[in-house]
Every structure is written in structure tokens, then in C-alpha cells.
Amino acid sequence: MICELCQLNIKQSWHLTMLFGLETIKQKMICSECWSEFEMIDAVAGCAECQIETNNEYCNDCLKWLRQGYPPIRNQALFKYNAKMRAYFKCYKFEGGYHLRNVFNDTLKQRLATINVDQIVPIPVSKKTYEQRGFNQVIGWLEGVTFAELLECRYSIKKKQSHKSRQERLNTEQPFKLAVGQNDIKGQSICLVDDVYTTGRTLRHATQCLLEAGARKVVSITLSR
């Protein structure tokens, strides 16, 4: 097997239980060297709201959100958005490497299994983005997870989030609307799932939309921060 990220050979460990069919053989998509370059986030040492490294309970950005009256989302970010993660997103999200969804499928499923909510909701992509990319990168990671598409984009985003400045992201108008009736949301606890937490604007828009529709509680998980 060739590593999908560095193109070097992957060393596969074999056991007798594999040879006799007693254990499922699961091929690795990336090598151990590449995997070691993804930095897991220490939830205890980070901001209680977004998990960025800070010496205080909340970082300055999250304090601003909370002081402005936005409800807490207690985002759980799994990995740091470092050079290796940027390279992964380049291959998966921007170059159409849909098969790379499997790199983080198990990790995300394990974390979601610890979240006690009624519904898991992926952040949607616009119709234009879906037509260009061919898939929603978040839904790709949710294979084997029961989720509900409760939100949809109100309009086609003219400029990709990754191309926006920080201030442009913060000034983005509400991009979401309900894709279902309010009865599907009222009184529900919901976990939003997104790819990268940058400013928190996207998740807070989605949270606001769901709470206004009657959701009881909204938390979130992102692959990276």
C-alpha cells in the first residue's frame, strides 16, 4: 500500500488471526509517519469554548462572542490546523480526494459516541459548492453515523470561506435556514459537526438558527482548530 499523503510505502503489521480470517484486515490509507504529524488538541489546556491554547478559561475571541449574547457552543476540536492538516484538506476538500474521508472517519465516530445528544447535524455546503466539489466534506466523515440534515444554505456563497479574510468571515450574514419543519427541532439537543473552527462565525450562525427554531441545546465538534 502507498500512503495517500506522502506516497511512500505503508508498512502493514500482520498477525496470525488476520491470516486465518479471525480478525478483519483494515488497510491503512496513510503511513504512521504522516499520522504522527497530525497534532491532537489537549482539551484540558484549551479554551473551554473553542479549545485554542490559552491560560484562561476562555480566549479573548470567545469572550467577545459570549459578551455579545451568543450562547455557548462548547466546541470540541480534535486536531490542530497545522501544515499536515492543511495538506490533508488540500487533497480531500479542494482536489476532490473523496476517498480520504476514511482517514478521520473512525476518530470522529469515536468522539461523537461520547456526545449525549438527540441529533447530529453536519454543516451544509451551498448548492454551487456541492456541484463543484461533488460532496459535502463533513458528511464524508460521518459514514456509519446517524445524522440529520436540518440546515441548508440560504444562498450560493459568492466567495469561499477559505478565501475570506478574518474580518470578512466575522461580517458574514446568516447563511443558513431550516431544511425541515420546526417540529423536527423543537426541544432537541443537537451536535453540529464542521471541518475547521476558524473564527466561530459559521457555528454560531448555525446555532442561532437552530435555537430560534426551538432547539433546547446546541454543541459542536470540528475536526480541526
C-alpha atoms as a PDB file:
ATOM      1  CA  MET A   1       0.000   0.000   0.000  1.00  0.00           C
ATOM      2  CA  ILE A   2       1.076   3.564  -0.774  1.00  0.00           C
ATOM      3  CA  CYS A   3       0.422   6.395   1.679  1.00  0.00           C
ATOM      4  CA  GLU A   4      -2.170   8.727   0.177  1.00  0.00           C
ATOM      5  CA  LEU A   5      -0.405  11.801   1.561  1.00  0.00           C
ATOM      6  CA  CYS A   6       3.340  11.222   1.167  1.00  0.00           C
ATOM      7  CA  GLN A   7       3.233   8.466  -1.496  1.00  0.00           C
ATOM      8  CA  LEU A   8       5.660   6.228   0.411  1.00  0.00           C
ATOM      9  CA  ASN A   9       5.065   2.550   1.154  1.00  0.00           C
ATOM     10  CA  ILE A  10       2.994   1.728   4.224  1.00  0.00           C
ATOM     11  CA  LYS A  11       4.370  -0.984   6.472  1.00  0.00           C
ATOM     12  CA  GLN A  12       1.439  -3.256   7.353  1.00  0.00           C
ATOM     13  CA  SER A  13       1.682  -5.368  10.526  1.00  0.00           C
ATOM     14  CA  TRP A  14       0.295  -8.889  10.157  1.00  0.00           C
ATOM     15  CA  HIS A  15      -0.926 -11.261  12.862  1.00  0.00           C
ATOM     16  CA  LEU A  16      -1.889 -14.936  12.740  1.00  0.00           C
ATOM     17  CA  THR A  17      -5.506 -14.006  13.495  1.00  0.00           C
ATOM     18  CA  MET A  18      -5.515 -11.980  10.274  1.00  0.00           C
ATOM     19  CA  LEU A  19      -4.101 -14.809   8.213  1.00  0.00           C
ATOM     20  CA  PHE A  20      -6.748 -17.249   9.442  1.00  0.00           C
ATOM     21  CA  GLY A  21      -9.578 -14.769   8.952  1.00  0.00           C
ATOM     22  CA  LEU A  22     -10.256 -14.301  12.663  1.00  0.00           C
ATOM     23  CA  GLU A  23      -9.568 -10.579  12.569  1.00  0.00           C
ATOM     24  CA  THR A  24     -10.769  -8.068   9.996  1.00  0.00           C
ATOM     25  CA  ILE A  25      -7.968  -6.760   7.814  1.00  0.00           C
ATOM     26  CA  LYS A  26      -8.259  -2.983   7.587  1.00  0.00           C
ATOM     27  CA  GLN A  27      -5.808  -1.362   5.211  1.00  0.00           C
ATOM     28  CA  LYS A  28      -4.289   1.924   6.336  1.00  0.00           C
ATOM     29  CA  MET A  29      -4.648   4.907   3.991  1.00  0.00           C
ATOM     30  CA  ILE A  30      -1.744   6.887   5.398  1.00  0.00           C
ATOM     31  CA  CYS A  31       1.543   5.874   6.970  1.00  0.00           C
ATOM     32  CA  SER A  32       2.335   6.137  10.676  1.00  0.00           C
ATOM     33  CA  GLU A  33       4.797   8.959   9.969  1.00  0.00           C
ATOM     34  CA  CYS A  34       2.089  11.104   8.362  1.00  0.00           C
ATOM     35  CA  TRP A  35      -0.413  10.229  11.088  1.00  0.00           C
ATOM     36  CA  SER A  36       2.061  11.313  13.772  1.00  0.00           C
ATOM     37  CA  GLU A  37       2.194  14.787  12.184  1.00  0.00           C
ATOM     38  CA  PHE A  38      -1.485  15.400  12.958  1.00  0.00           C
ATOM     39  CA  GLU A  39      -1.463  17.088  16.372  1.00  0.00           C
ATOM     40  CA  MET A  40      -4.290  16.139  18.719  1.00  0.00           C
ATOM     41  CA  ILE A  41      -5.655  19.019  20.791  1.00  0.00           C
ATOM     42  CA  ASP A  42      -5.420  18.842  24.570  1.00  0.00           C
ATOM     43  CA  ALA A  43      -8.978  19.731  25.589  1.00  0.00           C
ATOM     44  CA  VAL A  44      -7.991  20.395  29.200  1.00  0.00           C
ATOM     45  CA  ALA A  45      -5.382  23.023  28.294  1.00  0.00           C
ATOM     46  CA  GLY A  46      -7.513  24.906  25.795  1.00  0.00           C
ATOM     47  CA  CYS A  47     -10.319  27.459  25.800  1.00  0.00           C
ATOM     48  CA  ALA A  48     -13.497  25.918  27.214  1.00  0.00           C
ATOM     49  CA  GLU A  49     -15.445  27.323  24.259  1.00  0.00           C
ATOM     50  CA  CYS A  50     -13.221  26.720  21.193  1.00  0.00           C
ATOM     51  CA  GLN A  51     -10.187  24.799  22.556  1.00  0.00           C
ATOM     52  CA  ILE A  52      -7.489  27.115  21.269  1.00  0.00           C
ATOM     53  CA  GLU A  53      -4.476  27.205  23.609  1.00  0.00           C
ATOM     54  CA  THR A  54      -4.921  29.755  26.403  1.00  0.00           C
ATOM     55  CA  ASN A  55      -4.019  30.211  30.045  1.00  0.00           C
ATOM     56  CA  ASN A  56      -7.559  31.348  30.864  1.00  0.00           C
ATOM     57  CA  GLU A  57     -10.915  29.594  30.824  1.00  0.00           C
ATOM     58  CA  TYR A  58     -11.895  31.437  27.643  1.00  0.00           C
ATOM     59  CA  CYS A  59      -9.823  33.015  24.893  1.00  0.00           C
ATOM     60  CA  ASN A  60     -10.379  36.697  24.026  1.00  0.00           C
ATOM     61  CA  ASP A  61     -12.372  35.888  20.880  1.00  0.00           C
ATOM     62  CA  CYS A  62     -14.813  33.625  22.709  1.00  0.00           C
ATOM     63  CA  LEU A  63     -15.221  36.155  25.491  1.00  0.00           C
ATOM     64  CA  LYS A  64     -16.341  38.661  22.855  1.00  0.00           C
ATOM     65  CA  TRP A  65     -18.907  36.199  21.450  1.00  0.00           C
ATOM     66  CA  LEU A  66     -20.310  35.466  24.897  1.00  0.00           C
ATOM     67  CA  ARG A  67     -20.421  39.140  25.908  1.00  0.00           C
ATOM     68  CA  GLN A  68     -22.352  39.879  22.727  1.00  0.00           C
ATOM     69  CA  GLY A  69     -25.029  37.493  23.935  1.00  0.00           C
ATOM     70  CA  TYR A  70     -24.249  34.474  21.777  1.00  0.00           C
ATOM     71  CA  PRO A  71     -24.952  31.164  23.551  1.00  0.00           C
ATOM     72  CA  PRO A  72     -22.005  28.894  24.371  1.00  0.00           C
ATOM     73  CA  ILE A  73     -21.352  26.031  21.949  1.00  0.00           C
ATOM     74  CA  ARG A  74     -18.546  24.248  23.835  1.00  0.00           C
ATOM     75  CA  ASN A  75     -16.860  23.210  20.615  1.00  0.00           C
ATOM     76  CA  GLN A  76     -14.675  20.105  20.719  1.00  0.00           C
ATOM     77  CA  ALA A  77     -11.869  20.357  18.164  1.00  0.00           C
ATOM     78  CA  LEU A  78      -9.882  17.165  17.598  1.00  0.00           C
ATOM     79  CA  PHE A  79      -6.719  18.323  15.817  1.00  0.00           C
ATOM     80  CA  LYS A  80      -4.660  21.471  15.354  1.00  0.00           C
ATOM     81  CA  TYR A  81      -4.870  23.092  11.928  1.00  0.00           C
ATOM     82  CA  ASN A  82      -1.165  22.667  11.241  1.00  0.00           C
ATOM     83  CA  ALA A  83       0.763  22.153   7.986  1.00  0.00           C
ATOM     84  CA  LYS A  84      -0.142  18.464   7.772  1.00  0.00           C
ATOM     85  CA  MET A  85      -3.837  19.181   8.278  1.00  0.00           C
ATOM     86  CA  ARG A  86      -3.732  21.898   5.613  1.00  0.00           C
ATOM     87  CA  ALA A  87      -2.133  19.386   3.228  1.00  0.00           C
ATOM     88  CA  TYR A  88      -4.873  16.886   4.040  1.00  0.00           C
ATOM     89  CA  PHE A  89      -7.638  19.418   3.358  1.00  0.00           C
ATOM     90  CA  LYS A  90      -5.960  20.405   0.093  1.00  0.00           C
ATOM     91  CA  CYS A  91      -6.123  16.784  -1.120  1.00  0.00           C
ATOM     92  CA  TYR A  92      -9.532  15.923   0.366  1.00  0.00           C
ATOM     93  CA  LYS A  93     -11.607  19.070   0.188  1.00  0.00           C
ATOM     94  CA  PHE A  94     -10.128  21.097  -2.658  1.00  0.00           C
ATOM     95  CA  GLU A  95      -8.723  18.434  -5.003  1.00  0.00           C
ATOM     96  CA  GLY A  96     -11.653  16.019  -4.805  1.00  0.00           C
ATOM     97  CA  GLY A  97      -9.951  13.204  -2.877  1.00  0.00           C
ATOM     98  CA  TYR A  98     -13.236  11.839  -1.521  1.00  0.00           C
ATOM     99  CA  HIS A  99     -11.632   8.518  -0.558  1.00  0.00           C
ATOM    100  CA  LEU A 100      -9.616  10.437   2.060  1.00  0.00           C
ATOM    101  CA  ARG A 101     -12.774  10.801   4.161  1.00  0.00           C
ATOM    102  CA  ASN A 102     -11.790   7.460   5.694  1.00  0.00           C
ATOM    103  CA  VAL A 103      -8.643   8.895   7.292  1.00  0.00           C
ATOM    104  CA  PHE A 104     -10.652  10.503  10.112  1.00  0.00           C
ATOM    105  CA  ASN A 105     -13.905   8.540   9.976  1.00  0.00           C
ATOM    106  CA  ASP A 106     -13.116   6.295  12.948  1.00  0.00           C
ATOM    107  CA  THR A 107     -11.652   9.118  15.066  1.00  0.00           C
ATOM    108  CA  LEU A 108     -14.691  11.309  14.576  1.00  0.00           C
ATOM    109  CA  LYS A 109     -17.128   8.443  15.199  1.00  0.00           C
ATOM    110  CA  GLN A 110     -15.406   7.633  18.476  1.00  0.00           C
ATOM    111  CA  ARG A 111     -15.691  11.220  19.686  1.00  0.00           C
ATOM    112  CA  LEU A 112     -19.314  11.548  18.581  1.00  0.00           C
ATOM    113  CA  ALA A 113     -20.143   8.374  20.507  1.00  0.00           C
ATOM    114  CA  THR A 114     -19.245  10.238  23.722  1.00  0.00           C
ATOM    115  CA  ILE A 115     -21.670  13.108  22.994  1.00  0.00           C
ATOM    116  CA  ASN A 116     -25.140  12.681  24.508  1.00  0.00           C
ATOM    117  CA  VAL A 117     -27.460  14.496  22.076  1.00  0.00           C
ATOM    118  CA  ASP A 118     -30.676  13.793  20.203  1.00  0.00           C
ATOM    119  CA  GLN A 119     -29.377  14.636  16.736  1.00  0.00           C
ATOM    120  CA  ILE A 120     -26.067  15.036  14.932  1.00  0.00           C
ATOM    121  CA  VAL A 121     -26.165  17.736  12.257  1.00  0.00           C
ATOM    122  CA  PRO A 122     -23.470  18.399   9.644  1.00  0.00           C
ATOM    123  CA  ILE A 123     -22.872  21.965   8.500  1.00  0.00           C
ATOM    124  CA  PRO A 124     -24.219  22.153   4.924  1.00  0.00           C
ATOM    125  CA  VAL A 125     -22.411  23.404   1.842  1.00  0.00           C
ATOM    126  CA  SER A 126     -24.054  25.617  -0.752  1.00  0.00           C
ATOM    127  CA  LYS A 127     -25.590  24.134  -3.889  1.00  0.00           C
ATOM    128  CA  LYS A 128     -22.867  25.732  -6.001  1.00  0.00           C
ATOM    129  CA  THR A 129     -20.096  24.288  -3.801  1.00  0.00           C
ATOM    130  CA  TYR A 130     -21.687  20.844  -3.914  1.00  0.00           C
ATOM    131  CA  GLU A 131     -21.909  20.975  -7.713  1.00  0.00           C
ATOM    132  CA  GLN A 132     -18.245  21.971  -7.966  1.00  0.00           C
ATOM    133  CA  ARG A 133     -16.869  19.598  -5.329  1.00  0.00           C
ATOM    134  CA  GLY A 134     -19.328  16.738  -5.683  1.00  0.00           C
ATOM    135  CA  PHE A 135     -19.652  16.102  -1.945  1.00  0.00           C
ATOM    136  CA  ASN A 136     -20.041  17.655   1.483  1.00  0.00           C
ATOM    137  CA  GLN A 137     -16.692  17.090   3.202  1.00  0.00           C
ATOM    138  CA  VAL A 138     -18.303  16.844   6.657  1.00  0.00           C
ATOM    139  CA  ILE A 139     -20.868  14.232   5.618  1.00  0.00           C
ATOM    140  CA  GLY A 140     -17.987  12.241   4.146  1.00  0.00           C
ATOM    141  CA  TRP A 141     -16.587  11.739   7.658  1.00  0.00           C
ATOM    142  CA  LEU A 142     -19.970  10.675   9.040  1.00  0.00           C
ATOM    143  CA  GLU A 143     -20.184   7.358   7.209  1.00  0.00           C
ATOM    144  CA  GLY A 144     -21.678   4.888   9.682  1.00  0.00           C
ATOM    145  CA  VAL A 145     -23.110   7.679  11.870  1.00  0.00           C
ATOM    146  CA  THR A 146     -26.812   8.525  12.063  1.00  0.00           C
ATOM    147  CA  PHE A 147     -27.198  12.206  11.258  1.00  0.00           C
ATOM    148  CA  ALA A 148     -29.884  14.637  10.153  1.00  0.00           C
ATOM    149  CA  GLU A 149     -29.561  17.403   7.564  1.00  0.00           C
ATOM    150  CA  LEU A 150     -31.609  20.008   9.434  1.00  0.00           C
ATOM    151  CA  LEU A 151     -29.974  23.029   7.811  1.00  0.00           C
ATOM    152  CA  GLU A 152     -29.414  24.255   4.289  1.00  0.00           C
ATOM    153  CA  CYS A 153     -27.706  27.301   2.793  1.00  0.00           C
ATOM    154  CA  ARG A 154     -29.887  30.297   2.073  1.00  0.00           C
ATOM    155  CA  TYR A 155     -27.860  31.301  -0.984  1.00  0.00           C
ATOM    156  CA  SER A 156     -24.822  30.308  -3.005  1.00  0.00           C
ATOM    157  CA  ILE A 157     -21.751  31.675  -1.279  1.00  0.00           C
ATOM    158  CA  LYS A 158     -20.016  34.045  -3.706  1.00  0.00           C
ATOM    159  CA  LYS A 159     -16.632  33.748  -2.032  1.00  0.00           C
ATOM    160  CA  LYS A 160     -15.287  30.582  -0.406  1.00  0.00           C
ATOM    161  CA  GLN A 161     -14.714  30.741   3.345  1.00  0.00           C
ATOM    162  CA  SER A 162     -11.082  29.712   2.849  1.00  0.00           C
ATOM    163  CA  HIS A 163     -10.556  32.788   0.629  1.00  0.00           C
ATOM    164  CA  LYS A 164     -12.085  35.267   3.068  1.00  0.00           C
ATOM    165  CA  SER A 165     -10.173  37.478   5.465  1.00  0.00           C
ATOM    166  CA  ARG A 166     -10.880  37.163   9.174  1.00  0.00           C
ATOM    167  CA  GLN A 167     -12.985  40.330   9.141  1.00  0.00           C
ATOM    168  CA  GLU A 168     -14.976  39.129   6.116  1.00  0.00           C
ATOM    169  CA  ARG A 169     -15.770  35.901   7.972  1.00  0.00           C
ATOM    170  CA  LEU A 170     -16.937  37.806  11.037  1.00  0.00           C
ATOM    171  CA  ASN A 171     -19.175  40.042   8.926  1.00  0.00           C
ATOM    172  CA  THR A 172     -20.848  37.175   7.053  1.00  0.00           C
ATOM    173  CA  GLU A 173     -24.646  37.393   7.074  1.00  0.00           C
ATOM    174  CA  GLN A 174     -26.748  34.476   8.334  1.00  0.00           C
ATOM    175  CA  PRO A 175     -26.159  31.840   5.610  1.00  0.00           C
ATOM    176  CA  PHE A 176     -28.463  29.113   6.952  1.00  0.00           C
ATOM    177  CA  LYS A 177     -32.143  28.292   7.087  1.00  0.00           C
ATOM    178  CA  LEU A 178     -34.115  25.264   8.221  1.00  0.00           C
ATOM    179  CA  ALA A 179     -34.320  22.353   5.803  1.00  0.00           C
ATOM    180  CA  VAL A 180     -37.102  20.746   7.892  1.00  0.00           C
ATOM    181  CA  GLY A 181     -40.114  21.793   9.938  1.00  0.00           C
ATOM    182  CA  GLN A 182     -39.682  23.190  13.448  1.00  0.00           C
ATOM    183  CA  ASN A 183     -41.294  20.058  14.930  1.00  0.00           C
ATOM    184  CA  ASP A 184     -38.121  18.162  13.962  1.00  0.00           C
ATOM    185  CA  ILE A 185     -36.040  20.546  16.074  1.00  0.00           C
ATOM    186  CA  LYS A 186     -38.189  21.725  18.971  1.00  0.00           C
ATOM    187  CA  GLY A 187     -36.862  20.547  22.333  1.00  0.00           C
ATOM    188  CA  GLN A 188     -33.931  18.676  20.748  1.00  0.00           C
ATOM    189  CA  SER A 189     -30.318  18.694  21.876  1.00  0.00           C
ATOM    190  CA  ILE A 190     -28.089  18.937  18.793  1.00  0.00           C
ATOM    191  CA  CYS A 191     -24.417  18.464  17.990  1.00  0.00           C
ATOM    192  CA  LEU A 192     -23.191  20.392  14.961  1.00  0.00           C
ATOM    193  CA  VAL A 193     -20.248  18.959  13.022  1.00  0.00           C
ATOM    194  CA  ASP A 194     -17.941  21.088  10.873  1.00  0.00           C
ATOM    195  CA  ASP A 195     -14.480  20.804   9.364  1.00  0.00           C
ATOM    196  CA  VAL A 196     -12.454  23.722  10.757  1.00  0.00           C
ATOM    197  CA  TYR A 197     -13.157  26.196  13.566  1.00  0.00           C
ATOM    198  CA  THR A 198     -11.578  29.488  12.461  1.00  0.00           C
ATOM    199  CA  THR A 199     -13.495  32.434  13.914  1.00  0.00           C
ATOM    200  CA  GLY A 200     -16.558  30.523  15.137  1.00  0.00           C
ATOM    201  CA  ARG A 201     -18.856  32.613  12.946  1.00  0.00           C
ATOM    202  CA  THR A 202     -20.243  29.664  10.946  1.00  0.00           C
ATOM    203  CA  LEU A 203     -21.043  27.556  14.007  1.00  0.00           C
ATOM    204  CA  ARG A 204     -22.678  30.468  15.818  1.00  0.00           C
ATOM    205  CA  HIS A 205     -24.848  31.245  12.811  1.00  0.00           C
ATOM    206  CA  ALA A 206     -25.958  27.598  12.696  1.00  0.00           C
ATOM    207  CA  THR A 207     -26.503  27.515  16.464  1.00  0.00           C
ATOM    208  CA  GLN A 208     -28.580  30.686  16.363  1.00  0.00           C
ATOM    209  CA  CYS A 209     -30.746  29.274  13.553  1.00  0.00           C
ATOM    210  CA  LEU A 210     -31.436  26.051  15.479  1.00  0.00           C
ATOM    211  CA  LEU A 211     -32.112  27.725  18.829  1.00  0.00           C
ATOM    212  CA  GLU A 212     -34.521  30.182  17.241  1.00  0.00           C
ATOM    213  CA  ALA A 213     -36.349  27.178  15.769  1.00  0.00           C
ATOM    214  CA  GLY A 214     -36.781  25.695  19.246  1.00  0.00           C
ATOM    215  CA  ALA A 215     -33.740  23.520  19.847  1.00  0.00           C
ATOM    216  CA  ARG A 216     -33.083  23.036  23.565  1.00  0.00           C
ATOM    217  CA  LYS A 217     -29.286  22.934  23.368  1.00  0.00           C
ATOM    218  CA  VAL A 218     -26.583  23.073  20.691  1.00  0.00           C
ATOM    219  CA  VAL A 219     -22.946  21.969  20.991  1.00  0.00           C
ATOM    220  CA  SER A 220     -20.391  21.337  18.271  1.00  0.00           C
ATOM    221  CA  ILE A 221     -17.455  19.252  17.106  1.00  0.00           C
ATOM    222  CA  THR A 222     -14.892  20.240  14.490  1.00  0.00           C
ATOM    223  CA  LEU A 223     -12.130  18.123  13.063  1.00  0.00           C
ATOM    224  CA  SER A 224      -9.647  20.940  13.392  1.00  0.00           C
ATOM    225  CA  ARG A 225      -8.974  24.276  15.125  1.00  0.00           C
END
